[in-house]
PDB file of N, CA and C in Angstrom:
ATOM      1  N   UNK A   1       0.831  -1.189   0.000  1.00  0.00           N
ATOM      2  CA  UNK A   1       0.000   0.000   0.000  1.00  0.00           C
ATOM      3  C   UNK A   1       0.881   1.261   0.000  1.00  0.00           C
ATOM      4  N   UNK A   2       1.917   1.231   0.800  1.00  0.00           N
ATOM      5  CA  UNK A   2       2.842   2.364   0.892  1.00  0.00           C
ATOM      6  C   UNK A   2       3.507   2.613  -0.463  1.00  0.00           C
ATOM      7  N   UNK A   3       3.844   1.543  -1.160  1.00  0.00           N
ATOM      8  CA  UNK A   3       4.488   1.669  -2.463  1.00  0.00           C
ATOM      9  C   UNK A   3       3.543   2.299  -3.483  1.00  0.00           C
ATOM     10  N   UNK A   4       2.256   1.928  -3.467  1.00  0.00           N
ATOM     11  CA  UNK A   4       1.268   2.510  -4.370  1.00  0.00           C
ATOM     12  C   UNK A   4       1.105   3.996  -4.099  1.00  0.00           C
ATOM     13  N   UNK A   5       1.082   4.369  -2.834  1.00  0.00           N
ATOM     14  CA  UNK A   5       0.956   5.792  -2.486  1.00  0.00           C
ATOM     15  C   UNK A   5       2.148   6.575  -3.011  1.00  0.00           C
ATOM     16  N   UNK A   6       3.331   6.003  -2.900  1.00  0.00           N
ATOM     17  CA  UNK A   6       4.536   6.675  -3.385  1.00  0.00           C
ATOM     18  C   UNK A   6       4.482   6.843  -4.903  1.00  0.00           C
ATOM     19  N   UNK A   7       4.015   5.803  -5.606  1.00  0.00           N
ATOM     20  CA  UNK A   7       3.890   5.880  -7.060  1.00  0.00           C
ATOM     21  C   UNK A   7       2.890   6.959  -7.470  1.00  0.00           C
ATOM     22  N   UNK A   8       1.803   7.037  -6.738  1.00  0.00           N
ATOM     23  CA  UNK A   8       0.783   8.047  -7.046  1.00  0.00           C
ATOM     24  C   UNK A   8       1.327   9.448  -6.783  1.00  0.00           C
ATOM     25  N   UNK A   9       2.058   9.632  -5.694  1.00  0.00           N
ATOM     26  CA  UNK A   9       2.663  10.939  -5.405  1.00  0.00           C
ATOM     27  C   UNK A   9       3.677  11.327  -6.483  1.00  0.00           C
ATOM     28  N   UNK A  10       4.437  10.351  -6.949  1.00  0.00           N
ATOM     29  CA  UNK A  10       5.400  10.605  -8.017  1.00  0.00           C
ATOM     30  C   UNK A  10       4.674  10.991  -9.304  1.00  0.00           C
ATOM     31  N   UNK A  11       3.601  10.283  -9.599  1.00  0.00           N
ATOM     32  CA  UNK A  11       2.816  10.583 -10.799  1.00  0.00           C
ATOM     33  C   UNK A  11       2.227  11.989 -10.717  1.00  0.00           C
ATOM     34  N   UNK A  12       1.703  12.366  -9.580  1.00  0.00           N
ATOM     35  CA  UNK A  12       1.133  13.710  -9.396  1.00  0.00           C
ATOM     36  C   UNK A  12       2.208  14.771  -9.565  1.00  0.00           C
ATOM     37  N   UNK A  13       3.380  14.535  -9.000  1.00  0.00           N
ATOM     38  CA  UNK A  13       4.490  15.491  -9.137  1.00  0.00           C
ATOM     39  C   UNK A  13       4.870  15.678 -10.598  1.00  0.00           C
ATOM     40  N   UNK A  14       4.942  14.569 -11.337  1.00  0.00           N
ATOM     41  CA  UNK A  14       5.273  14.652 -12.763  1.00  0.00           C
ATOM     42  C   UNK A  14       4.215  15.434 -13.531  1.00  0.00           C
ATOM     43  N   UNK A  15       2.962  15.204 -13.208  1.00  0.00           N
ATOM     44  CA  UNK A  15       1.875  15.922 -13.885  1.00  0.00           C
ATOM     45  C   UNK A  15       1.940  17.412 -13.578  1.00  0.00           C
ATOM     46  N   UNK A  16       2.235  17.751 -12.329  1.00  0.00           N
ATOM     47  CA  UNK A  16       2.331  19.167 -11.955  1.00  0.00           C
ATOM     48  C   UNK A  16       3.475  19.856 -12.682  1.00  0.00           C
ATOM     49  N   UNK A  17       4.568  19.140 -12.899  1.00  0.00           N
ATOM     50  CA  UNK A  17       5.693  19.733 -13.632  1.00  0.00           C
ATOM     51  C   UNK A  17       5.381  19.872 -15.117  1.00  0.00           C
ATOM     52  N   UNK A  18       4.577  18.960 -15.651  1.00  0.00           N
ATOM     53  CA  UNK A  18       4.260  18.967 -17.076  1.00  0.00           C
ATOM     54  C   UNK A  18       3.168  19.973 -17.431  1.00  0.00           C
ATOM     55  N   UNK A  19       2.292  20.287 -16.497  1.00  0.00           N
ATOM     56  CA  UNK A  19       1.151  21.174 -16.751  1.00  0.00           C
ATOM     57  C   UNK A  19       1.554  22.536 -17.325  1.00  0.00           C
ATOM     58  N   UNK A  20       2.550  23.221 -16.787  1.00  0.00           N
ATOM     59  CA  UNK A  20       2.925  24.526 -17.367  1.00  0.00           C
ATOM     60  C   UNK A  20       3.337  24.443 -18.827  1.00  0.00           C
ATOM     61  N   UNK A  21       3.973  23.353 -19.225  1.00  0.00           N
ATOM     62  CA  UNK A  21       4.371  23.248 -20.628  1.00  0.00           C
ATOM     63  C   UNK A  21       3.161  23.084 -21.538  1.00  0.00           C
ATOM     64  N   UNK A  22       2.100  22.471 -21.043  1.00  0.00           N
ATOM     65  CA  UNK A  22       0.878  22.320 -21.843  1.00  0.00           C
ATOM     66  C   UNK A  22       0.271  23.680 -22.132  1.00  0.00           C
ATOM     67  N   UNK A  23       0.076  24.496 -21.091  1.00  0.00           N
ATOM     68  CA  UNK A  23      -0.558  25.804 -21.307  1.00  0.00           C
ATOM     69  C   UNK A  23       0.352  26.743 -22.079  1.00  0.00           C
ATOM     70  N   UNK A  24       1.659  26.598 -21.930  1.00  0.00           N
ATOM     71  CA  UNK A  24       2.587  27.426 -22.706  1.00  0.00           C
ATOM     72  C   UNK A  24       2.486  27.085 -24.186  1.00  0.00           C
ATOM     73  N   UNK A  25       2.212  25.836 -24.489  1.00  0.00           N
ATOM     74  CA  UNK A  25       2.025  25.422 -25.884  1.00  0.00           C
ATOM     75  C   UNK A  25       0.827  26.092 -26.534  1.00  0.00           C
ATOM     76  N   UNK A  26      -0.118  26.571 -25.723  1.00  0.00           N
ATOM     77  CA  UNK A  26      -1.294  27.263 -26.235  1.00  0.00           C
ATOM     78  C   UNK A  26      -1.181  28.781 -26.086  1.00  0.00           C
ATOM     79  N   UNK A  27       0.002  29.261 -25.734  1.00  0.00           N
ATOM     80  CA  UNK A  27       0.243  30.700 -25.726  1.00  0.00           C
ATOM     81  C   UNK A  27       0.070  31.396 -24.389  1.00  0.00           C
ATOM     82  N   UNK A  28      -0.120  30.656 -23.320  1.00  0.00           N
ATOM     83  CA  UNK A  28      -0.238  31.271 -21.996  1.00  0.00           C
ATOM     84  C   UNK A  28       1.124  31.254 -21.312  1.00  0.00           C
ATOM     85  N   UNK A  29       1.383  32.258 -20.488  1.00  0.00           N
ATOM     86  CA  UNK A  29       2.665  32.327 -19.789  1.00  0.00           C
ATOM     87  C   UNK A  29       2.770  31.251 -18.717  1.00  0.00           C
ATOM     88  N   UNK A  30       1.663  31.026 -18.016  1.00  0.00           N
ATOM     89  CA  UNK A  30       1.668  30.041 -16.933  1.00  0.00           C
ATOM     90  C   UNK A  30       0.239  29.552 -16.676  1.00  0.00           C
ATOM     91  N   UNK A  31       0.109  28.633 -15.744  1.00  0.00           N
ATOM     92  CA  UNK A  31      -1.191  28.040 -15.434  1.00  0.00           C
ATOM     93  C   UNK A  31      -2.124  29.079 -14.821  1.00  0.00           C
ATOM     94  N   UNK A  32      -1.568  29.985 -14.024  1.00  0.00           N
ATOM     95  CA  UNK A  32      -2.381  31.021 -13.383  1.00  0.00           C
ATOM     96  C   UNK A  32      -3.059  31.908 -14.433  1.00  0.00           C
ATOM     97  N   UNK A  33      -2.323  32.286 -15.461  1.00  0.00           N
ATOM     98  CA  UNK A  33      -2.892  33.099 -16.542  1.00  0.00           C
ATOM     99  C   UNK A  33      -3.982  32.334 -17.279  1.00  0.00           C
ATOM    100  N   UNK A  34      -3.734  31.057 -17.524  1.00  0.00           N
ATOM    101  CA  UNK A  34      -4.741  30.225 -18.186  1.00  0.00           C
ATOM    102  C   UNK A  34      -6.011  30.143 -17.356  1.00  0.00           C
ATOM    103  N   UNK A  35      -5.870  29.891 -16.046  1.00  0.00           N
ATOM    104  CA  UNK A  35      -7.038  29.762 -15.180  1.00  0.00           C
ATOM    105  C   UNK A  35      -7.838  31.059 -15.114  1.00  0.00           C
ATOM    106  N   UNK A  36      -7.148  32.197 -15.107  1.00  0.00           N
ATOM    107  CA  UNK A  36      -7.846  33.483 -15.097  1.00  0.00           C
ATOM    108  C   UNK A  36      -8.683  33.640 -16.364  1.00  0.00           C
ATOM    109  N   UNK A  37      -8.089  33.308 -17.498  1.00  0.00           N
ATOM    110  CA  UNK A  37      -8.811  33.405 -18.777  1.00  0.00           C
ATOM    111  C   UNK A  37      -9.973  32.407 -18.821  1.00  0.00           C
ATOM    112  N   UNK A  38      -9.733  31.214 -18.320  1.00  0.00           N
ATOM    113  CA  UNK A  38     -10.768  30.177 -18.298  1.00  0.00           C
ATOM    114  C   UNK A  38     -11.962  30.607 -17.451  1.00  0.00           C
ATOM    115  N   UNK A  39     -11.691  31.123 -16.263  1.00  0.00           N
ATOM    116  CA  UNK A  39     -12.775  31.556 -15.377  1.00  0.00           C
ATOM    117  C   UNK A  39     -13.556  32.709 -15.991  1.00  0.00           C
ATOM    118  N   UNK A  40     -12.849  33.638 -16.636  1.00  0.00           N
ATOM    119  CA  UNK A  40     -13.521  34.774 -17.273  1.00  0.00           C
ATOM    120  C   UNK A  40     -14.408  34.302 -18.423  1.00  0.00           C
ATOM    121  N   UNK A  41     -13.896  33.381 -19.236  1.00  0.00           N
ATOM    122  CA  UNK A  41     -14.697  32.903 -20.365  1.00  0.00           C
ATOM    123  C   UNK A  41     -15.874  32.063 -19.884  1.00  0.00           C
ATOM    124  N   UNK A  42     -15.690  31.313 -18.808  1.00  0.00           N
ATOM    125  CA  UNK A  42     -16.782  30.529 -18.253  1.00  0.00           C
ATOM    126  C   UNK A  42     -17.894  31.444 -17.739  1.00  0.00           C
ATOM    127  N   UNK A  43     -17.513  32.527 -17.071  1.00  0.00           N
ATOM    128  CA  UNK A  43     -18.497  33.488 -16.576  1.00  0.00           C
ATOM    129  C   UNK A  43     -19.222  34.164 -17.745  1.00  0.00           C
ATOM    130  N   UNK A  44     -18.480  34.522 -18.780  1.00  0.00           N
ATOM    131  CA  UNK A  44     -19.075  35.169 -19.948  1.00  0.00           C
ATOM    132  C   UNK A  44     -20.050  34.232 -20.649  1.00  0.00           C
ATOM    133  N   UNK A  45     -19.695  32.957 -20.752  1.00  0.00           N
ATOM    134  CA  UNK A  45     -20.589  31.989 -21.371  1.00  0.00           C
ATOM    135  C   UNK A  45     -21.858  31.820 -20.534  1.00  0.00           C
ATOM    136  N   UNK A  46     -21.709  31.848 -19.228  1.00  0.00           N
ATOM    137  CA  UNK A  46     -22.882  31.770 -18.353  1.00  0.00           C
ATOM    138  C   UNK A  46     -23.809  32.952 -18.568  1.00  0.00           C
ATOM    139  N   UNK A  47     -23.234  34.140 -18.711  1.00  0.00           N
ATOM    140  CA  UNK A  47     -24.028  35.344 -19.000  1.00  0.00           C
ATOM    141  C   UNK A  47     -24.737  35.220 -20.351  1.00  0.00           C
ATOM    142  N   UNK A  48     -24.034  34.664 -21.335  1.00  0.00           N
ATOM    143  CA  UNK A  48     -24.623  34.477 -22.664  1.00  0.00           C
ATOM    144  C   UNK A  48     -25.822  33.537 -22.581  1.00  0.00           C
ATOM    145  N   UNK A  49     -25.648  32.393 -21.912  1.00  0.00           N
ATOM    146  CA  UNK A  49     -26.739  31.431 -21.794  1.00  0.00           C
ATOM    147  C   UNK A  49     -27.933  32.038 -21.053  1.00  0.00           C
ATOM    148  N   UNK A  50     -27.653  32.852 -20.042  1.00  0.00           N
ATOM    149  CA  UNK A  50     -28.716  33.513 -19.295  1.00  0.00           C
ATOM    150  C   UNK A  50     -29.476  34.487 -20.198  1.00  0.00           C
ATOM    151  N   UNK A  51     -28.741  35.239 -20.998  1.00  0.00           N
ATOM    152  CA  UNK A  51     -29.370  36.184 -21.921  1.00  0.00           C
ATOM    153  C   UNK A  51     -30.217  35.465 -22.961  1.00  0.00           C
ATOM    154  N   UNK A  52     -29.718  34.354 -23.464  1.00  0.00           N
ATOM    155  CA  UNK A  52     -30.467  33.575 -24.450  1.00  0.00           C
ATOM    156  C   UNK A  52     -31.764  33.067 -23.824  1.00  0.00           C
ATOM    157  N   UNK A  53     -31.680  32.564 -22.603  1.00  0.00           N
ATOM    158  CA  UNK A  53     -32.876  32.050 -21.922  1.00  0.00           C
ATOM    159  C   UNK A  53     -33.898  33.163 -21.718  1.00  0.00           C
ATOM    160  N   UNK A  54     -33.444  34.347 -21.334  1.00  0.00           N
ATOM    161  CA  UNK A  54     -34.353  35.494 -21.146  1.00  0.00           C
ATOM    162  C   UNK A  54     -34.996  35.885 -22.467  1.00  0.00           C
ATOM    163  N   UNK A  55     -34.195  35.906 -23.542  1.00  0.00           N
ATOM    164  CA  UNK A  55     -34.726  36.279 -24.852  1.00  0.00           C
ATOM    165  C   UNK A  55     -35.767  35.262 -25.310  1.00  0.00           C
ATOM    166  N   UNK A  56     -35.470  33.975 -25.132  1.00  0.00           N
ATOM    167  CA  UNK A  56     -36.423  32.949 -25.521  1.00  0.00           C
ATOM    168  C   UNK A  56     -37.715  33.071 -24.725  1.00  0.00           C
ATOM    169  N   UNK A  57     -37.601  33.408 -23.460  1.00  0.00           N
ATOM    170  CA  UNK A  57     -38.781  33.557 -22.612  1.00  0.00           C
ATOM    171  C   UNK A  57     -39.621  34.757 -23.067  1.00  0.00           C
ATOM    172  N   UNK A  58     -38.951  35.853 -23.423  1.00  0.00           N
ATOM    173  CA  UNK A  58     -39.660  37.063 -23.842  1.00  0.00           C
ATOM    174  C   UNK A  58     -40.320  36.891 -25.207  1.00  0.00           C
ATOM    175  N   UNK A  59     -39.618  36.269 -26.138  1.00  0.00           N
ATOM    176  CA  UNK A  59     -40.118  36.190 -27.508  1.00  0.00           C
ATOM    177  C   UNK A  59     -40.871  34.906 -27.805  1.00  0.00           C
ATOM    178  N   UNK A  60     -40.614  33.871 -27.043  1.00  0.00           N
ATOM    179  CA  UNK A  60     -41.241  32.587 -27.312  1.00  0.00           C
ATOM    180  C   UNK A  60     -40.567  31.822 -28.431  1.00  0.00           C
ATOM    181  N   UNK A  61     -39.465  32.344 -28.948  1.00  0.00           N
ATOM    182  CA  UNK A  61     -38.715  31.676 -30.013  1.00  0.00           C
ATOM    183  C   UNK A  61     -37.511  30.965 -29.414  1.00  0.00           C
ATOM    184  N   UNK A  62     -37.140  29.851 -30.046  1.00  0.00           N
ATOM    185  CA  UNK A  62     -35.971  29.109 -29.604  1.00  0.00           C
ATOM    186  C   UNK A  62     -34.756  29.572 -30.392  1.00  0.00           C
ATOM    187  N   UNK A  63     -33.618  29.652 -29.713  1.00  0.00           N
ATOM    188  CA  UNK A  63     -32.356  29.973 -30.369  1.00  0.00           C
ATOM    189  C   UNK A  63     -31.629  28.661 -30.603  1.00  0.00           C
ATOM    190  N   UNK A  64     -31.370  28.360 -31.855  1.00  0.00           N
ATOM    191  CA  UNK A  64     -30.635  27.145 -32.178  1.00  0.00           C
ATOM    192  C   UNK A  64     -29.315  27.565 -32.810  1.00  0.00           C
ATOM    193  N   UNK A  65     -28.300  27.704 -31.973  1.00  0.00           N
ATOM    194  CA  UNK A  65     -27.007  28.155 -32.458  1.00  0.00           C
ATOM    195  C   UNK A  65     -26.011  27.015 -32.584  1.00  0.00           C
ATOM    196  N   UNK A  66     -26.530  25.808 -32.777  1.00  0.00           N
ATOM    197  CA  UNK A  66     -25.652  24.655 -32.915  1.00  0.00           C
ATOM    198  C   UNK A  66     -25.022  24.653 -34.304  1.00  0.00           C
ATOM    199  N   UNK A  67     -23.945  23.960 -34.424  1.00  0.00           N
ATOM    200  CA  UNK A  67     -23.243  23.875 -35.698  1.00  0.00           C
ATOM    201  C   UNK A  67     -24.103  23.177 -36.749  1.00  0.00           C
ATOM    202  N   UNK A  68     -24.830  22.167 -36.335  1.00  0.00           N
ATOM    203  CA  UNK A  68     -25.699  21.439 -37.264  1.00  0.00           C
ATOM    204  C   UNK A  68     -26.782  22.358 -37.814  1.00  0.00           C
ATOM    205  N   UNK A  69     -27.362  23.185 -36.948  1.00  0.00           N
ATOM    206  CA  UNK A  69     -28.412  24.109 -37.391  1.00  0.00           C
ATOM    207  C   UNK A  69     -27.841  25.142 -38.363  1.00  0.00           C
ATOM    208  N   UNK A  70     -26.641  25.632 -38.084  1.00  0.00           N
ATOM    209  CA  UNK A  70     -26.014  26.608 -38.981  1.00  0.00           C
ATOM    210  C   UNK A  70     -25.711  25.980 -40.337  1.00  0.00           C
ATOM    211  N   UNK A  71     -25.267  24.716 -40.324  1.00  0.00           N
ATOM    212  CA  UNK A  71     -24.983  24.021 -41.573  1.00  0.00           C
ATOM    213  C   UNK A  71     -26.253  23.836 -42.397  1.00  0.00           C
ATOM    214  N   UNK A  72     -27.336  23.429 -41.753  1.00  0.00           N
ATOM    215  CA  UNK A  72     -28.602  23.257 -42.464  1.00  0.00           C
ATOM    216  C   UNK A  72     -29.097  24.579 -43.029  1.00  0.00           C
ATOM    217  N   UNK A  73     -28.950  25.647 -42.255  1.00  0.00           N
ATOM    218  CA  UNK A  73     -29.375  26.964 -42.726  1.00  0.00           C
ATOM    219  C   UNK A  73     -28.559  27.376 -43.949  1.00  0.00           C
ATOM    220  N   UNK A  74     -27.256  27.136 -43.911  1.00  0.00           N
ATOM    221  CA  UNK A  74     -26.391  27.502 -45.032  1.00  0.00           C
ATOM    222  C   UNK A  74     -26.733  26.684 -46.267  1.00  0.00           C
ATOM    223  N   UNK A  75     -26.996  25.387 -46.088  1.00  0.00           N
ATOM    224  CA  UNK A  75     -27.373  24.539 -47.219  1.00  0.00           C
ATOM    225  C   UNK A  75     -28.676  25.018 -47.840  1.00  0.00           C
ATOM    226  N   UNK A  76     -29.617  25.441 -47.018  1.00  0.00           N
ATOM    227  CA  UNK A  76     -30.892  25.959 -47.515  1.00  0.00           C
ATOM    228  C   UNK A  76     -30.658  27.242 -48.325  1.00  0.00           C
ATOM    229  N   UNK A  77     -29.786  28.118 -47.839  1.00  0.00           N
ATOM    230  CA  UNK A  77     -29.483  29.361 -48.557  1.00  0.00           C
ATOM    231  C   UNK A  77     -28.863  29.058 -49.917  1.00  0.00           C
ATOM    232  N   UNK A  78     -27.966  28.094 -49.969  1.00  0.00           N
ATOM    233  CA  UNK A  78     -27.313  27.738 -51.229  1.00  0.00           C
ATOM    234  C   UNK A  78     -28.329  27.171 -52.217  1.00  0.00           C
ATOM    235  N   UNK A  79     -29.246  26.345 -51.742  1.00  0.00           N
ATOM    236  CA  UNK A  79     -30.288  25.801 -52.614  1.00  0.00           C
ATOM    237  C   UNK A  79     -31.140  26.915 -53.193  1.00  0.00           C
ATOM    238  N   UNK A  80     -31.494  27.893 -52.359  1.00  0.00           N
ATOM    239  CA  UNK A  80     -32.303  29.020 -52.843  1.00  0.00           C
ATOM    240  C   UNK A  80     -31.547  29.818 -53.889  1.00  0.00           C
ATOM    241  N   UNK A  81     -30.267  30.055 -53.648  1.00  0.00           N
ATOM    242  CA  UNK A  81     -29.459  30.811 -54.612  1.00  0.00           C
ATOM    243  C   UNK A  81     -29.357  30.060 -55.929  1.00  0.00           C
ATOM    244  N   UNK A  82     -29.150  28.767 -55.865  1.00  0.00           N
ATOM    245  CA  UNK A  82     -29.050  27.966 -57.089  1.00  0.00           C
ATOM    246  C   UNK A  82     -30.366  27.947 -57.858  1.00  0.00           C
ATOM    247  N   UNK A  83     -31.478  27.867 -57.149  1.00  0.00           N
ATOM    248  CA  UNK A  83     -32.765  27.852 -57.855  1.00  0.00           C
ATOM    249  C   UNK A  83     -33.040  29.211 -58.497  1.00  0.00           C
ATOM    250  N   UNK A  84     -32.635  30.296 -57.862  1.00  0.00           N
ATOM    251  CA  UNK A  84     -32.807  31.627 -58.458  1.00  0.00           C
ATOM    252  C   UNK A  84     -31.915  31.797 -59.678  1.00  0.00           C
ATOM    253  N   UNK A  85     -30.699  31.271 -59.606  1.00  0.00           N
ATOM    254  CA  UNK A  85     -29.767  31.376 -60.729  1.00  0.00           C
ATOM    255  C   UNK A  85     -30.244  30.593 -61.938  1.00  0.00           C
ATOM    256  N   UNK A  86     -30.901  29.466 -61.727  1.00  0.00           N
ATOM    257  CA  UNK A  86     -31.402  28.669 -62.837  1.00  0.00           C
ATOM    258  C   UNK A  86     -32.480  29.415 -63.601  1.00  0.00           C
ATOM    259  N   UNK A  87     -33.286  30.200 -62.925  1.00  0.00           N
ATOM    260  CA  UNK A  87     -34.359  30.940 -63.589  1.00  0.00           C
ATOM    261  C   UNK A  87     -33.821  32.119 -64.403  1.00  0.00           C
ATOM    262  N   UNK A  88     -32.653  32.594 -64.091  1.00  0.00           N
ATOM    263  CA  UNK A  88     -32.117  33.774 -64.760  1.00  0.00           C
ATOM    264  C   UNK A  88     -31.142  33.443 -65.888  1.00  0.00           C
ATOM    265  N   UNK A  89     -30.877  32.197 -66.129  1.00  0.00           N
ATOM    266  CA  UNK A  89     -29.938  31.828 -67.192  1.00  0.00           C
ATOM    267  C   UNK A  89     -30.577  32.048 -68.551  1.00  0.00           C
ATOM    268  N   UNK A  90     -29.783  32.524 -69.466  1.00  0.00           N
ATOM    269  CA  UNK A  90     -30.259  32.749 -70.823  1.00  0.00           C
ATOM    270  C   UNK A  90     -30.145  31.471 -71.636  1.00  0.00           C
ATOM    271  N   UNK A  91     -31.086  31.285 -72.536  1.00  0.00           N
ATOM    272  CA  UNK A  91     -31.065  30.073 -73.359  1.00  0.00           C
ATOM    273  C   UNK A  91     -30.216  30.246 -74.595  1.00  0.00           C
ATOM    274  N   UNK A  92     -29.978  31.469 -75.051  1.00  0.00           N
ATOM    275  CA  UNK A  92     -29.178  31.706 -76.260  1.00  0.00           C
ATOM    276  C   UNK A  92     -27.803  32.254 -75.876  1.00  0.00           C
ATOM    277  N   UNK A  93     -27.005  31.431 -75.307  1.00  0.00           N
ATOM    278  CA  UNK A  93     -25.717  31.877 -74.777  1.00  0.00           C
ATOM    279  C   UNK A  93     -24.766  32.401 -75.850  1.00  0.00           C
ATOM    280  N   UNK A  94     -24.677  31.757 -76.955  1.00  0.00           N
ATOM    281  CA  UNK A  94     -23.696  32.151 -77.946  1.00  0.00           C
ATOM    282  C   UNK A  94     -24.244  33.061 -79.043  1.00  0.00           C
ATOM    283  N   UNK A  95     -25.513  33.336 -79.055  1.00  0.00           N
ATOM    284  CA  UNK A  95     -26.121  34.133 -80.141  1.00  0.00           C
ATOM    285  C   UNK A  95     -25.793  35.590 -79.972  1.00  0.00           C
ATOM    286  N   UNK A  96     -25.504  36.227 -81.119  1.00  0.00           N
ATOM    287  CA  UNK A  96     -25.218  37.666 -81.110  1.00  0.00           C
ATOM    288  C   UNK A  96     -25.947  38.325 -82.228  1.00  0.00           C
TER     289      UNK A  96
END
């Protein structure tokens, strides 16, 4: 049991030494700077979700800001553009 505890303490020490290099790889000076940014972004996201919930409650409309919904919306826009372009094509392309 004592040996397992020692191995776990060694593993934790190694992880603590490696952690700063991970955040530095993403452009942060240290773990403290990363945590400050993380907490700020988490709070901002919470405010965003709260605002969305209030807006949905006021308007009765759902906000679907998922990637899948955006992709479907974009595909629908492209289909509409293509159908409009087909109606405007000239049949006598080479005639002068």
